[in-house]
Amino acid sequence: MKFLVIGAIIIGAIVFSLLPILSAQFFQPTLKDSIKFNVYFLPLSFLGNIVLSWGFIQGSKTFGNTVMLGGIQTGVYAVVVTFLSIIFLQQKISVYSIIGLVLIAIGTIFLNK
């Protein structure tokens, strides 16, 4: 059950990592495009919310600690957004980004203790 819970948190974080990358890649920063984007990706956002909700509900029962699950979600989100930005948006990663990712990983490890 623990692996299912952590998997749900990771999958939900990946879904929500994809959304801003897709928005930046395919839509202009206008109100009209923002509305279109949210309508188009409403099913994906809805599924991501369901998976995350299930993960947090079951995780609070299984681990008794939702802070740890939030840390995992934040860490996965930061890493996936960074790598997707590099791949799809051709953004350069800076030393500060790497330091930030390392600090997030360390914080997530400490939240698991």
Protein backbone atom coordinates (compact mmCIF):
# COMPACT_ATOMS: atom_id res chain seq x y z
CA MET A 1 0.00 0.00 0.00
CA LYS A 2 2.88 2.36 0.76
CA PHE A 3 4.19 2.06 -2.81
CA LEU A 4 0.72 2.76 -4.23
CA VAL A 5 0.40 5.89 -2.11
CA ILE A 6 3.83 7.22 -3.05
CA GLY A 7 3.19 6.27 -6.68
CA ALA A 8 -0.09 8.22 -6.64
CA ILE A 9 1.68 11.28 -5.23
CA ILE A 10 4.43 11.00 -7.86
CA ILE A 11 1.96 10.50 -10.74
CA GLY A 12 -0.17 13.43 -9.56
CA ALA A 13 2.90 15.64 -9.28
CA ILE A 14 4.00 14.64 -12.79
CA VAL A 15 0.56 15.49 -14.18
CA PHE A 16 0.68 18.93 -12.59
CA SER A 17 4.27 19.39 -13.79
CA LEU A 18 3.14 18.84 -17.36
CA LEU A 19 0.42 21.49 -17.29
CA PRO A 20 2.58 24.65 -17.11
CA ILE A 21 5.04 23.22 -19.66
CA LEU A 22 2.21 22.44 -22.09
CA SER A 23 0.76 25.88 -21.50
CA ALA A 24 4.08 27.61 -22.21
CA GLN A 25 4.75 25.44 -25.25
CA PHE A 26 1.42 25.63 -27.04
CA PHE A 27 -0.47 28.72 -25.80
CA GLN A 28 0.14 32.46 -25.74
CA PRO A 29 -0.10 34.36 -22.44
CA THR A 30 -3.50 35.87 -23.16
CA LEU A 31 -6.79 35.51 -21.34
CA LYS A 32 -8.38 33.80 -24.34
CA ASP A 33 -5.59 31.22 -24.59
CA SER A 34 -5.61 30.69 -20.82
CA ILE A 35 -9.29 29.87 -20.95
CA LYS A 36 -8.76 27.55 -23.94
CA PHE A 37 -5.88 25.81 -22.18
CA ASN A 38 -7.90 25.22 -19.02
CA VAL A 39 -10.85 23.88 -20.99
CA TYR A 40 -8.67 21.57 -23.09
CA PHE A 41 -6.73 20.20 -20.14
CA LEU A 42 -9.57 20.09 -17.61
CA PRO A 43 -9.82 16.27 -17.85
CA LEU A 44 -6.09 15.87 -17.20
CA SER A 45 -6.22 18.31 -14.31
CA PHE A 46 -9.28 16.53 -12.90
CA LEU A 47 -7.54 13.13 -13.06
CA GLY A 48 -4.41 14.58 -11.45
CA ASN A 49 -6.52 15.94 -8.60
CA ILE A 50 -8.23 12.60 -8.09
CA VAL A 51 -4.91 10.74 -7.97
CA LEU A 52 -3.35 13.28 -5.60
CA SER A 53 -6.41 13.33 -3.34
CA TRP A 54 -6.44 9.55 -3.12
CA GLY A 55 -2.69 9.56 -2.41
CA PHE A 56 -3.01 12.10 0.38
CA ILE A 57 -6.08 10.47 1.94
CA GLN A 58 -4.53 6.99 1.92
CA GLY A 59 -1.14 8.41 2.85
CA SER A 60 -2.49 10.09 5.95
CA LYS A 61 -3.94 6.73 7.01
CA THR A 62 -0.87 4.70 6.05
CA PHE A 63 1.93 7.01 7.16
CA GLY A 64 0.13 9.34 9.54
CA ASN A 65 2.17 12.14 8.00
CA THR A 66 0.90 14.29 5.13
CA VAL A 67 3.87 16.67 5.46
CA MET A 68 6.14 13.96 4.09
CA LEU A 69 3.77 13.40 1.16
CA GLY A 70 3.70 17.13 0.43
CA GLY A 71 7.49 17.12 0.43
CA ILE A 72 7.56 14.26 -2.04
CA GLN A 73 5.06 16.05 -4.27
CA THR A 74 7.06 19.30 -4.14
CA GLY A 75 10.33 17.53 -4.88
CA VAL A 76 8.94 15.58 -7.83
CA TYR A 77 7.23 18.69 -9.16
CA ALA A 78 10.44 20.76 -9.05
CA VAL A 79 12.56 18.07 -10.71
CA VAL A 80 10.05 17.25 -13.46
CA VAL A 81 9.33 20.91 -14.28
CA THR A 82 13.06 21.57 -14.52
CA PHE A 83 13.73 18.65 -16.85
CA LEU A 84 10.66 19.26 -19.00
CA SER A 85 11.64 22.92 -19.32
CA ILE A 86 15.07 21.87 -20.55
CA ILE A 87 13.67 19.33 -23.01
CA PHE A 88 10.61 21.11 -24.41
CA LEU A 89 11.27 24.81 -23.83
CA GLN A 90 15.04 24.66 -24.47
CA GLN A 91 15.76 26.51 -21.25
CA LYS A 92 19.22 26.44 -19.73
CA ILE A 93 19.69 25.08 -16.24
CA SER A 94 21.72 27.27 -13.91
CA VAL A 95 23.88 26.38 -10.94
CA TYR A 96 21.22 27.91 -8.70
CA SER A 97 18.60 25.56 -10.15
CA ILE A 98 20.81 22.57 -9.41
CA ILE A 99 21.46 23.79 -5.87
CA GLY A 100 17.72 24.30 -5.38
CA LEU A 101 16.92 20.79 -6.60
CA VAL A 102 19.53 19.32 -4.27
CA LEU A 103 18.11 21.27 -1.33
CA ILE A 104 14.58 20.09 -2.16
CA ALA A 105 15.81 16.50 -2.29
CA ILE A 106 17.55 16.89 1.08
CA GLY A 107 14.41 18.46 2.57
CA THR A 108 12.28 15.60 1.29
CA ILE A 109 14.65 13.09 2.86
CA PHE A 110 14.44 14.92 6.19
CA LEU A 111 10.63 15.00 6.00
CA ASN A 112 10.67 11.20 5.71
CA LYS A 113 12.46 10.84 9.06
